Amino acid sequence: MLWRSFDPPSRTVLQTTVRTSVVFLFSRLEKLHSRILVCRALGYFTLGGG
């Protein structure tokens, strides 16, 4: 479940570290869009630079 600003604190679940938060985010993206698409999209973002 995604967090919403009006959710009560009892329903809010935070990861313990930034690393686990990022891993959790990528896992959610992979479940939604497939691992291959997420990997390739992130690769293109990386190659694009800044």
C-alpha atoms as a PDB file:
ATOM      1  CA  MET A   1       0.000   0.000   0.000  1.00  0.00           C
ATOM      2  CA  LEU A   2       1.220   3.480  -0.761  1.00  0.00           C
ATOM      3  CA  TRP A   3       1.428   6.210   1.817  1.00  0.00           C
ATOM      4  CA  ARG A   4      -1.010   9.117   1.612  1.00  0.00           C
ATOM      5  CA  SER A   5      -0.661  12.357   3.535  1.00  0.00           C
ATOM      6  CA  PHE A   6      -3.944  11.808   5.360  1.00  0.00           C
ATOM      7  CA  ASP A   7      -3.150   8.246   6.527  1.00  0.00           C
ATOM      8  CA  PRO A   8      -2.990   7.879  10.319  1.00  0.00           C
ATOM      9  CA  PRO A   9       0.466   7.215  11.795  1.00  0.00           C
ATOM     10  CA  SER A  10      -0.614   3.695  12.770  1.00  0.00           C
ATOM     11  CA  ARG A  11      -0.875   2.784   9.053  1.00  0.00           C
ATOM     12  CA  THR A  12       2.420   4.383   8.074  1.00  0.00           C
ATOM     13  CA  VAL A  13       5.280   1.938   7.533  1.00  0.00           C
ATOM     14  CA  LEU A  14       8.767   3.291   6.922  1.00  0.00           C
ATOM     15  CA  GLN A  15      11.833   1.330   5.970  1.00  0.00           C
ATOM     16  CA  THR A  16      14.715   1.431   8.441  1.00  0.00           C
ATOM     17  CA  THR A  17      17.384   2.816   6.090  1.00  0.00           C
ATOM     18  CA  VAL A  18      17.614   4.772   2.860  1.00  0.00           C
ATOM     19  CA  ARG A  19      19.031   1.682   1.135  1.00  0.00           C
ATOM     20  CA  THR A  20      16.038  -0.471   2.095  1.00  0.00           C
ATOM     21  CA  SER A  21      13.697   2.325   1.002  1.00  0.00           C
ATOM     22  CA  VAL A  22      15.313   2.403  -2.443  1.00  0.00           C
ATOM     23  CA  VAL A  23      15.259  -1.399  -2.728  1.00  0.00           C
ATOM     24  CA  PHE A  24      11.580  -1.376  -1.741  1.00  0.00           C
ATOM     25  CA  LEU A  25      10.825   1.287  -4.375  1.00  0.00           C
ATOM     26  CA  PHE A  26      12.626  -0.637  -7.124  1.00  0.00           C
ATOM     27  CA  SER A  27      10.851  -3.854  -6.098  1.00  0.00           C
ATOM     28  CA  ARG A  28       7.493  -2.114  -6.402  1.00  0.00           C
ATOM     29  CA  LEU A  29       8.423  -0.744  -9.823  1.00  0.00           C
ATOM     30  CA  GLU A  30       9.536  -4.204 -10.980  1.00  0.00           C
ATOM     31  CA  LYS A  31       6.251  -5.748  -9.853  1.00  0.00           C
ATOM     32  CA  LEU A  32       4.279  -3.059 -11.689  1.00  0.00           C
ATOM     33  CA  HIS A  33       6.270  -2.846 -14.923  1.00  0.00           C
ATOM     34  CA  SER A  34       8.546  -5.941 -15.109  1.00  0.00           C
ATOM     35  CA  ARG A  35      12.182  -6.199 -14.136  1.00  0.00           C
ATOM     36  CA  ILE A  36      13.531  -5.854 -17.676  1.00  0.00           C
ATOM     37  CA  LEU A  37      11.693  -2.584 -18.330  1.00  0.00           C
ATOM     38  CA  VAL A  38      12.800  -1.068 -15.012  1.00  0.00           C
ATOM     39  CA  CYS A  39      16.430  -2.132 -15.551  1.00  0.00           C
ATOM     40  CA  ARG A  40      16.533  -0.705 -19.049  1.00  0.00           C
ATOM     41  CA  ALA A  41      14.780   2.532 -18.088  1.00  0.00           C
ATOM     42  CA  LEU A  42      17.189   3.099 -15.195  1.00  0.00           C
ATOM     43  CA  GLY A  43      20.080   2.300 -17.535  1.00  0.00           C
ATOM     44  CA  TYR A  44      18.887   4.963 -19.971  1.00  0.00           C
ATOM     45  CA  PHE A  45      18.569   7.479 -17.136  1.00  0.00           C
ATOM     46  CA  THR A  46      22.117   6.672 -16.069  1.00  0.00           C
ATOM     47  CA  LEU A  47      23.489   6.999 -19.606  1.00  0.00           C
ATOM     48  CA  GLY A  48      21.641  10.272 -20.094  1.00  0.00           C
ATOM     49  CA  GLY A  49      23.750  11.878 -17.405  1.00  0.00           C
ATOM     50  CA  GLY A  50      22.813  15.194 -16.052  1.00  0.00           C
END
